[in-house]
Amino acid sequence: MIAQAGFELRLLLRNGEQLLLTIAIPVALLLGVTYVAAVPLAASAGASRLPEALGSVLCVAVIASAFTALAISVGFDRRSGALLMLATTPLSRMSILGARALATLGVVAIQTALLVGIALAIGWRPTASAFTLVPSIIAGTAVFAALGFALGGAVRAEATLAVANAIFLALVAIGGTTFPAASLPAPLSTVVSALPSAALGDLLRWATGFSAAPFVRVDAIVLLAWGIAGVLVARRTFSWR
């Protein structure tokens, strides 16, 4: 499974479209959110925005890789027969999915190292809560990977492409990723706060030092509930062809 995960990771890193979605866009978003004054964040444009900007962009990066890119790749691999062909190898079906999830985690690790490195270079300084950054990213990757498998394993490839991208754009715009759910109007903020994107965004913004006292336990429970739901749906609906 680890050998297959390494192969999957190399394929992902050779794909220009994947690199645009998972590397170039998050880096550009971090710099834009930090320095563009028109972006309505709590702090004024500049290094003072980095704690909020870094947490938000890390959340976007996790969703881009673990949900959008994973769902699309699974959908098209189902259509081409690649997944079914892999199922004839000595790898078990769970090992095939596990390898894909590990490769996704590898991409997220590269994203995280790159974004944190850039943030450190332009002025971000970790606080005591930074020790939760890695566990939060791993948990978020697992949850959104489960949701990605649920979508990519049940819907036709073309529909997966459209739905995954539409969900991604919606989550970036009003899903509690780029901006905390609490900053949205009251009726909408209540709904958005129940989404896994908002829960992960809050956890990561706390880890990067923006939020002093978020509802960490509530966010963790919301994220866990969505992860369990994703696994249950994927187990019932995932198709290999």
C-alpha atoms as a PDB file:
ATOM      1  CA  MET A   1       0.000   0.000   0.000  1.00  0.00           C
ATOM      2  CA  ILE A   2       2.861   2.396   0.828  1.00  0.00           C
ATOM      3  CA  ALA A   3       4.540   1.610  -2.512  1.00  0.00           C
ATOM      4  CA  GLN A   4       1.268   2.311  -4.313  1.00  0.00           C
ATOM      5  CA  ALA A   5       0.858   5.546  -2.327  1.00  0.00           C
ATOM      6  CA  GLY A   6       4.306   6.661  -3.479  1.00  0.00           C
ATOM      7  CA  PHE A   7       3.368   5.921  -7.080  1.00  0.00           C
ATOM      8  CA  GLU A   8       0.094   7.871  -6.711  1.00  0.00           C
ATOM      9  CA  LEU A   9       1.962  10.818  -5.163  1.00  0.00           C
ATOM     10  CA  ARG A  10       4.442  10.941  -8.036  1.00  0.00           C
ATOM     11  CA  LEU A  11       1.562  10.945 -10.518  1.00  0.00           C
ATOM     12  CA  LEU A  12      -0.100  13.821  -8.680  1.00  0.00           C
ATOM     13  CA  LEU A  13       3.095  15.882  -8.611  1.00  0.00           C
ATOM     14  CA  ARG A  14       3.588  15.403 -12.371  1.00  0.00           C
ATOM     15  CA  ASN A  15       0.093  16.664 -13.183  1.00  0.00           C
ATOM     16  CA  GLY A  16       0.137  20.367 -14.085  1.00  0.00           C
ATOM     17  CA  GLU A  17      -3.568  20.881 -13.416  1.00  0.00           C
ATOM     18  CA  GLN A  18      -3.245  19.273 -10.003  1.00  0.00           C
ATOM     19  CA  LEU A  19      -0.260  21.462  -9.143  1.00  0.00           C
ATOM     20  CA  LEU A  20      -2.223  24.559 -10.152  1.00  0.00           C
ATOM     21  CA  LEU A  21      -5.098  23.593  -7.861  1.00  0.00           C
ATOM     22  CA  THR A  22      -3.041  22.357  -4.940  1.00  0.00           C
ATOM     23  CA  ILE A  23       0.097  24.549  -4.985  1.00  0.00           C
ATOM     24  CA  ALA A  24      -0.139  27.675  -7.136  1.00  0.00           C
ATOM     25  CA  ILE A  25      -3.647  28.762  -6.105  1.00  0.00           C
ATOM     26  CA  PRO A  26      -3.106  28.396  -2.318  1.00  0.00           C
ATOM     27  CA  VAL A  27       0.209  30.315  -2.481  1.00  0.00           C
ATOM     28  CA  ALA A  28      -1.375  33.110  -4.529  1.00  0.00           C
ATOM     29  CA  LEU A  29      -4.347  33.152  -2.165  1.00  0.00           C
ATOM     30  CA  LEU A  30      -2.098  33.463   0.900  1.00  0.00           C
ATOM     31  CA  LEU A  31      -0.246  36.436  -0.559  1.00  0.00           C
ATOM     32  CA  GLY A  32      -3.425  38.044  -1.849  1.00  0.00           C
ATOM     33  CA  VAL A  33      -5.387  37.668   1.381  1.00  0.00           C
ATOM     34  CA  THR A  34      -2.429  38.995   3.359  1.00  0.00           C
ATOM     35  CA  TYR A  35      -1.547  42.055   1.301  1.00  0.00           C
ATOM     36  CA  VAL A  36      -4.665  43.095  -0.646  1.00  0.00           C
ATOM     37  CA  ALA A  37      -6.445  45.754   1.402  1.00  0.00           C
ATOM     38  CA  ALA A  38      -9.783  45.108  -0.336  1.00  0.00           C
ATOM     39  CA  VAL A  39     -10.042  41.669   1.337  1.00  0.00           C
ATOM     40  CA  PRO A  40     -12.204  42.308   4.448  1.00  0.00           C
ATOM     41  CA  LEU A  41     -10.247  40.616   7.232  1.00  0.00           C
ATOM     42  CA  ALA A  42     -10.076  41.665  10.877  1.00  0.00           C
ATOM     43  CA  ALA A  43      -6.583  43.188  10.625  1.00  0.00           C
ATOM     44  CA  SER A  44      -5.291  45.713   8.121  1.00  0.00           C
ATOM     45  CA  ALA A  45      -3.324  44.509   5.103  1.00  0.00           C
ATOM     46  CA  GLY A  46       0.180  43.294   5.910  1.00  0.00           C
ATOM     47  CA  ALA A  47       1.968  40.885   8.235  1.00  0.00           C
ATOM     48  CA  SER A  48      -0.606  41.454  10.996  1.00  0.00           C
ATOM     49  CA  ARG A  49      -3.088  39.496   8.886  1.00  0.00           C
ATOM     50  CA  LEU A  50      -0.941  36.395   8.679  1.00  0.00           C
ATOM     51  CA  PRO A  51      -2.436  34.407  11.589  1.00  0.00           C
ATOM     52  CA  GLU A  52      -5.932  34.642  10.082  1.00  0.00           C
ATOM     53  CA  ALA A  53      -4.776  34.405   6.466  1.00  0.00           C
ATOM     54  CA  LEU A  54      -2.558  31.355   7.024  1.00  0.00           C
ATOM     55  CA  GLY A  55      -5.231  29.395   8.890  1.00  0.00           C
ATOM     56  CA  SER A  56      -7.829  30.211   6.246  1.00  0.00           C
ATOM     57  CA  VAL A  57      -5.603  29.345   3.291  1.00  0.00           C
ATOM     58  CA  LEU A  58      -4.462  26.077   4.880  1.00  0.00           C
ATOM     59  CA  CYS A  59      -8.142  25.157   5.165  1.00  0.00           C
ATOM     60  CA  VAL A  60      -8.695  25.959   1.482  1.00  0.00           C
ATOM     61  CA  ALA A  61      -5.615  23.905   0.559  1.00  0.00           C
ATOM     62  CA  VAL A  62      -6.820  20.855   2.487  1.00  0.00           C
ATOM     63  CA  ILE A  63     -10.252  20.988   0.839  1.00  0.00           C
ATOM     64  CA  ALA A  64      -8.718  21.494  -2.628  1.00  0.00           C
ATOM     65  CA  SER A  65      -6.545  18.388  -2.292  1.00  0.00           C
ATOM     66  CA  ALA A  66      -8.499  16.048  -0.029  1.00  0.00           C
ATOM     67  CA  PHE A  67     -11.951  16.711  -1.457  1.00  0.00           C
ATOM     68  CA  THR A  68     -11.985  18.380  -4.876  1.00  0.00           C
ATOM     69  CA  ALA A  69      -8.882  16.869  -6.485  1.00  0.00           C
ATOM     70  CA  LEU A  70      -9.441  13.451  -4.882  1.00  0.00           C
ATOM     71  CA  ALA A  71     -13.107  13.220  -5.899  1.00  0.00           C
ATOM     72  CA  ILE A  72     -12.323  14.213  -9.491  1.00  0.00           C
ATOM     73  CA  SER A  73      -9.412  11.784  -9.827  1.00  0.00           C
ATOM     74  CA  VAL A  74     -11.460   8.910  -8.380  1.00  0.00           C
ATOM     75  CA  GLY A  75     -14.363   9.702 -10.699  1.00  0.00           C
ATOM     76  CA  PHE A  76     -12.231   9.702 -13.843  1.00  0.00           C
ATOM     77  CA  ASP A  77     -10.243   6.631 -12.751  1.00  0.00           C
ATOM     78  CA  ARG A  78     -13.558   4.802 -12.330  1.00  0.00           C
ATOM     79  CA  ARG A  79     -14.650   5.843 -15.821  1.00  0.00           C
ATOM     80  CA  SER A  80     -11.362   4.777 -17.442  1.00  0.00           C
ATOM     81  CA  GLY A  81     -11.342   1.445 -15.615  1.00  0.00           C
ATOM     82  CA  ALA A  82      -8.077   2.179 -13.803  1.00  0.00           C
ATOM     83  CA  LEU A  83      -9.567   1.519 -10.371  1.00  0.00           C
ATOM     84  CA  LEU A  84     -11.101  -1.756 -11.473  1.00  0.00           C
ATOM     85  CA  MET A  85      -7.784  -2.808 -13.016  1.00  0.00           C
ATOM     86  CA  LEU A  86      -5.961  -2.055  -9.749  1.00  0.00           C
ATOM     87  CA  ALA A  87      -8.484  -4.240  -7.954  1.00  0.00           C
ATOM     88  CA  THR A  88      -7.090  -7.251  -9.855  1.00  0.00           C
ATOM     89  CA  THR A  89      -3.627  -6.758  -8.311  1.00  0.00           C
ATOM     90  CA  PRO A  90      -2.485  -8.232  -4.975  1.00  0.00           C
ATOM     91  CA  LEU A  91      -3.627  -4.985  -3.342  1.00  0.00           C
ATOM     92  CA  SER A  92      -6.960  -5.265  -1.579  1.00  0.00           C
ATOM     93  CA  ARG A  93      -9.629  -2.733  -2.448  1.00  0.00           C
ATOM     94  CA  MET A  94      -9.219  -1.033   0.915  1.00  0.00           C
ATOM     95  CA  SER A  95      -5.452  -0.851   0.309  1.00  0.00           C
ATOM     96  CA  ILE A  96      -6.071   0.858  -3.032  1.00  0.00           C
ATOM     97  CA  LEU A  97      -8.227   3.517  -1.391  1.00  0.00           C
ATOM     98  CA  GLY A  98      -5.792   3.757   1.509  1.00  0.00           C
ATOM     99  CA  ALA A  99      -2.917   4.367  -0.902  1.00  0.00           C
ATOM    100  CA  ARG A 100      -4.892   7.137  -2.614  1.00  0.00           C
ATOM    101  CA  ALA A 101      -5.620   8.707   0.779  1.00  0.00           C
ATOM    102  CA  LEU A 102      -1.938   8.510   1.813  1.00  0.00           C
ATOM    103  CA  ALA A 103      -0.882  10.135  -1.464  1.00  0.00           C
ATOM    104  CA  THR A 104      -3.373  12.919  -0.808  1.00  0.00           C
ATOM    105  CA  LEU A 105      -1.953  13.358   2.683  1.00  0.00           C
ATOM    106  CA  GLY A 106       1.499  13.641   1.103  1.00  0.00           C
ATOM    107  CA  VAL A 107       0.295  16.454  -1.151  1.00  0.00           C
ATOM    108  CA  VAL A 108      -1.283  18.212   1.835  1.00  0.00           C
ATOM    109  CA  ALA A 109       1.999  17.871   3.752  1.00  0.00           C
ATOM    110  CA  ILE A 110       3.854  19.561   0.869  1.00  0.00           C
ATOM    111  CA  GLN A 111       1.233  22.317   0.740  1.00  0.00           C
ATOM    112  CA  THR A 112       1.453  22.864   4.484  1.00  0.00           C
ATOM    113  CA  ALA A 113       5.249  23.025   4.521  1.00  0.00           C
ATOM    114  CA  LEU A 114       5.268  25.478   1.606  1.00  0.00           C
ATOM    115  CA  LEU A 115       2.553  27.771   3.010  1.00  0.00           C
ATOM    116  CA  VAL A 116       3.983  27.765   6.537  1.00  0.00           C
ATOM    117  CA  GLY A 117       7.470  28.433   5.137  1.00  0.00           C
ATOM    118  CA  ILE A 118       6.215  31.412   3.116  1.00  0.00           C
ATOM    119  CA  ALA A 119       4.258  32.725   6.122  1.00  0.00           C
ATOM    120  CA  LEU A 120       7.333  32.484   8.344  1.00  0.00           C
ATOM    121  CA  ALA A 121       9.423  34.281   5.730  1.00  0.00           C
ATOM    122  CA  ILE A 122       7.015  37.226   5.529  1.00  0.00           C
ATOM    123  CA  GLY A 123       6.451  37.651   9.251  1.00  0.00           C
ATOM    124  CA  TRP A 124       4.198  35.002  10.816  1.00  0.00           C
ATOM    125  CA  ARG A 125       5.271  33.819  14.254  1.00  0.00           C
ATOM    126  CA  PRO A 126       3.723  30.695  15.829  1.00  0.00           C
ATOM    127  CA  THR A 127       1.945  30.876  19.181  1.00  0.00           C
ATOM    128  CA  ALA A 128       1.417  28.212  21.846  1.00  0.00           C
ATOM    129  CA  SER A 129      -1.589  26.815  19.954  1.00  0.00           C
ATOM    130  CA  ALA A 130       0.599  25.909  16.942  1.00  0.00           C
ATOM    131  CA  PHE A 131       1.067  22.396  18.359  1.00  0.00           C
ATOM    132  CA  THR A 132      -2.485  21.603  17.153  1.00  0.00           C
ATOM    133  CA  LEU A 133      -1.731  22.569  13.551  1.00  0.00           C
ATOM    134  CA  VAL A 134      -0.516  19.177  12.328  1.00  0.00           C
ATOM    135  CA  PRO A 135      -3.246  17.108  14.092  1.00  0.00           C
ATOM    136  CA  SER A 136      -5.918  19.469  12.756  1.00  0.00           C
ATOM    137  CA  ILE A 137      -4.594  19.181   9.200  1.00  0.00           C
ATOM    138  CA  ILE A 138      -4.408  15.379   9.408  1.00  0.00           C
ATOM    139  CA  ALA A 139      -7.950  15.199  10.786  1.00  0.00           C
ATOM    140  CA  GLY A 140      -9.241  17.611   8.152  1.00  0.00           C
ATOM    141  CA  THR A 141      -7.536  15.647   5.376  1.00  0.00           C
ATOM    142  CA  ALA A 142      -9.096  12.396   6.596  1.00  0.00           C
ATOM    143  CA  VAL A 143     -12.589  13.906   6.827  1.00  0.00           C
ATOM    144  CA  PHE A 144     -12.535  15.570   3.417  1.00  0.00           C
ATOM    145  CA  ALA A 145     -10.935  12.496   1.833  1.00  0.00           C
ATOM    146  CA  ALA A 146     -13.876  10.427   3.115  1.00  0.00           C
ATOM    147  CA  LEU A 147     -16.267  12.951   1.581  1.00  0.00           C
ATOM    148  CA  GLY A 148     -14.235  12.955  -1.641  1.00  0.00           C
ATOM    149  CA  PHE A 149     -14.433   9.169  -1.889  1.00  0.00           C
ATOM    150  CA  ALA A 150     -18.167   9.353  -1.216  1.00  0.00           C
ATOM    151  CA  LEU A 151     -18.696  11.786  -4.103  1.00  0.00           C
ATOM    152  CA  GLY A 152     -16.160  10.407  -6.576  1.00  0.00           C
ATOM    153  CA  GLY A 153     -17.206   6.820  -5.953  1.00  0.00           C
ATOM    154  CA  ALA A 154     -20.924   7.342  -6.536  1.00  0.00           C
ATOM    155  CA  VAL A 155     -21.315   9.968  -9.276  1.00  0.00           C
ATOM    156  CA  ARG A 156     -20.348   9.890 -12.955  1.00  0.00           C
ATOM    157  CA  ALA A 157     -16.986  11.484 -13.751  1.00  0.00           C
ATOM    158  CA  GLU A 158     -18.366  14.522 -15.599  1.00  0.00           C
ATOM    159  CA  ALA A 159     -20.890  15.195 -12.852  1.00  0.00           C
ATOM    160  CA  THR A 160     -18.196  14.740 -10.208  1.00  0.00           C
ATOM    161  CA  LEU A 161     -16.054  17.361 -11.947  1.00  0.00           C
ATOM    162  CA  ALA A 162     -18.900  19.878 -11.934  1.00  0.00           C
ATOM    163  CA  VAL A 163     -20.205  19.125  -8.435  1.00  0.00           C
ATOM    164  CA  ALA A 164     -16.775  18.986  -6.760  1.00  0.00           C
ATOM    165  CA  ASN A 165     -15.702  22.309  -8.254  1.00  0.00           C
ATOM    166  CA  ALA A 166     -19.037  23.946  -7.426  1.00  0.00           C
ATOM    167  CA  ILE A 167     -18.836  22.783  -3.811  1.00  0.00           C
ATOM    168  CA  PHE A 168     -15.233  23.952  -3.571  1.00  0.00           C
ATOM    169  CA  LEU A 169     -16.072  27.442  -4.833  1.00  0.00           C
ATOM    170  CA  ALA A 170     -19.072  27.665  -2.491  1.00  0.00           C
ATOM    171  CA  LEU A 171     -16.999  26.617   0.514  1.00  0.00           C
ATOM    172  CA  VAL A 172     -14.272  29.139  -0.345  1.00  0.00           C
ATOM    173  CA  ALA A 173     -16.832  31.926  -0.764  1.00  0.00           C
ATOM    174  CA  ILE A 174     -19.219  31.341   2.153  1.00  0.00           C
ATOM    175  CA  GLY A 175     -18.228  28.039   3.749  1.00  0.00           C
ATOM    176  CA  GLY A 176     -16.264  29.384   6.701  1.00  0.00           C
ATOM    177  CA  THR A 177     -12.902  28.749   5.048  1.00  0.00           C
ATOM    178  CA  THR A 178     -11.596  32.117   3.862  1.00  0.00           C
ATOM    179  CA  PHE A 179     -13.710  33.959   6.452  1.00  0.00           C
ATOM    180  CA  PRO A 180     -14.971  32.637   9.825  1.00  0.00           C
ATOM    181  CA  ALA A 181     -18.623  31.598   9.883  1.00  0.00           C
ATOM    182  CA  ALA A 182     -19.211  34.080  12.719  1.00  0.00           C
ATOM    183  CA  SER A 183     -18.516  36.973  10.330  1.00  0.00           C
ATOM    184  CA  LEU A 184     -21.484  36.021   8.118  1.00  0.00           C
ATOM    185  CA  PRO A 185     -25.069  37.278   8.672  1.00  0.00           C
ATOM    186  CA  ALA A 186     -26.833  35.531  11.557  1.00  0.00           C
ATOM    187  CA  PRO A 187     -29.106  33.044   9.727  1.00  0.00           C
ATOM    188  CA  LEU A 188     -26.345  32.038   7.316  1.00  0.00           C
ATOM    189  CA  SER A 189     -23.641  31.825   9.984  1.00  0.00           C
ATOM    190  CA  THR A 190     -25.696  29.275  11.947  1.00  0.00           C
ATOM    191  CA  VAL A 191     -25.961  26.999   8.928  1.00  0.00           C
ATOM    192  CA  VAL A 192     -22.340  27.460   7.836  1.00  0.00           C
ATOM    193  CA  SER A 193     -20.999  26.756  11.334  1.00  0.00           C
ATOM    194  CA  ALA A 194     -22.359  23.211  10.995  1.00  0.00           C
ATOM    195  CA  LEU A 195     -20.242  22.544   7.880  1.00  0.00           C
ATOM    196  CA  PRO A 196     -16.923  20.666   8.053  1.00  0.00           C
ATOM    197  CA  SER A 197     -15.226  23.531   6.200  1.00  0.00           C
ATOM    198  CA  ALA A 198     -16.147  26.027   8.916  1.00  0.00           C
ATOM    199  CA  ALA A 199     -15.094  23.629  11.682  1.00  0.00           C
ATOM    200  CA  LEU A 200     -11.715  22.988  10.062  1.00  0.00           C
ATOM    201  CA  GLY A 201     -11.243  26.683   9.301  1.00  0.00           C
ATOM    202  CA  ASP A 202     -11.860  27.623  12.943  1.00  0.00           C
ATOM    203  CA  LEU A 203      -9.478  24.923  14.188  1.00  0.00           C
ATOM    204  CA  LEU A 204      -6.711  26.029  11.827  1.00  0.00           C
ATOM    205  CA  ARG A 205      -7.170  29.724  12.563  1.00  0.00           C
ATOM    206  CA  TRP A 206      -6.873  28.902  16.259  1.00  0.00           C
ATOM    207  CA  ALA A 207      -3.744  26.842  15.569  1.00  0.00           C
ATOM    208  CA  THR A 208      -2.124  29.723  13.657  1.00  0.00           C
ATOM    209  CA  GLY A 209      -2.839  32.165  16.496  1.00  0.00           C
ATOM    210  CA  PHE A 210      -5.765  34.193  15.141  1.00  0.00           C
ATOM    211  CA  SER A 211      -8.560  33.025  17.452  1.00  0.00           C
ATOM    212  CA  ALA A 212      -7.899  33.216  21.174  1.00  0.00           C
ATOM    213  CA  ALA A 213     -10.778  31.052  22.396  1.00  0.00           C
ATOM    214  CA  PRO A 214     -12.818  29.352  19.669  1.00  0.00           C
ATOM    215  CA  PHE A 215     -15.294  26.567  20.335  1.00  0.00           C
ATOM    216  CA  VAL A 216     -12.587  24.003  19.743  1.00  0.00           C
ATOM    217  CA  ARG A 217     -14.515  21.054  21.144  1.00  0.00           C
ATOM    218  CA  VAL A 218     -17.621  21.887  19.112  1.00  0.00           C
ATOM    219  CA  ASP A 219     -15.561  22.284  15.937  1.00  0.00           C
ATOM    220  CA  ALA A 220     -13.816  18.961  16.564  1.00  0.00           C
ATOM    221  CA  ILE A 221     -17.169  17.219  17.095  1.00  0.00           C
ATOM    222  CA  VAL A 222     -18.614  18.730  13.910  1.00  0.00           C
ATOM    223  CA  LEU A 223     -15.557  17.610  11.934  1.00  0.00           C
ATOM    224  CA  LEU A 224     -15.718  14.105  13.413  1.00  0.00           C
ATOM    225  CA  ALA A 225     -19.433  13.783  12.629  1.00  0.00           C
ATOM    226  CA  TRP A 226     -18.874  14.702   8.981  1.00  0.00           C
ATOM    227  CA  GLY A 227     -15.989  12.251   8.764  1.00  0.00           C
ATOM    228  CA  ILE A 228     -18.122   9.402  10.071  1.00  0.00           C
ATOM    229  CA  ALA A 229     -20.917  10.357   7.687  1.00  0.00           C
ATOM    230  CA  GLY A 230     -18.483  10.413   4.756  1.00  0.00           C
ATOM    231  CA  VAL A 231     -17.128   6.955   5.592  1.00  0.00           C
ATOM    232  CA  LEU A 232     -20.619   5.474   5.976  1.00  0.00           C
ATOM    233  CA  VAL A 233     -21.844   6.963   2.701  1.00  0.00           C
ATOM    234  CA  ALA A 234     -18.702   5.858   0.839  1.00  0.00           C
ATOM    235  CA  ARG A 235     -19.034   2.308   2.161  1.00  0.00           C
ATOM    236  CA  ARG A 236     -22.630   2.072   0.896  1.00  0.00           C
ATOM    237  CA  THR A 237     -22.351   3.862  -2.439  1.00  0.00           C
ATOM    238  CA  PHE A 238     -18.750   3.510  -3.707  1.00  0.00           C
ATOM    239  CA  SER A 239     -18.655   1.854  -7.117  1.00  0.00           C
ATOM    240  CA  TRP A 240     -15.510   0.570  -8.835  1.00  0.00           C
ATOM    241  CA  ARG A 241     -16.865   1.139 -12.356  1.00  0.00           C
END
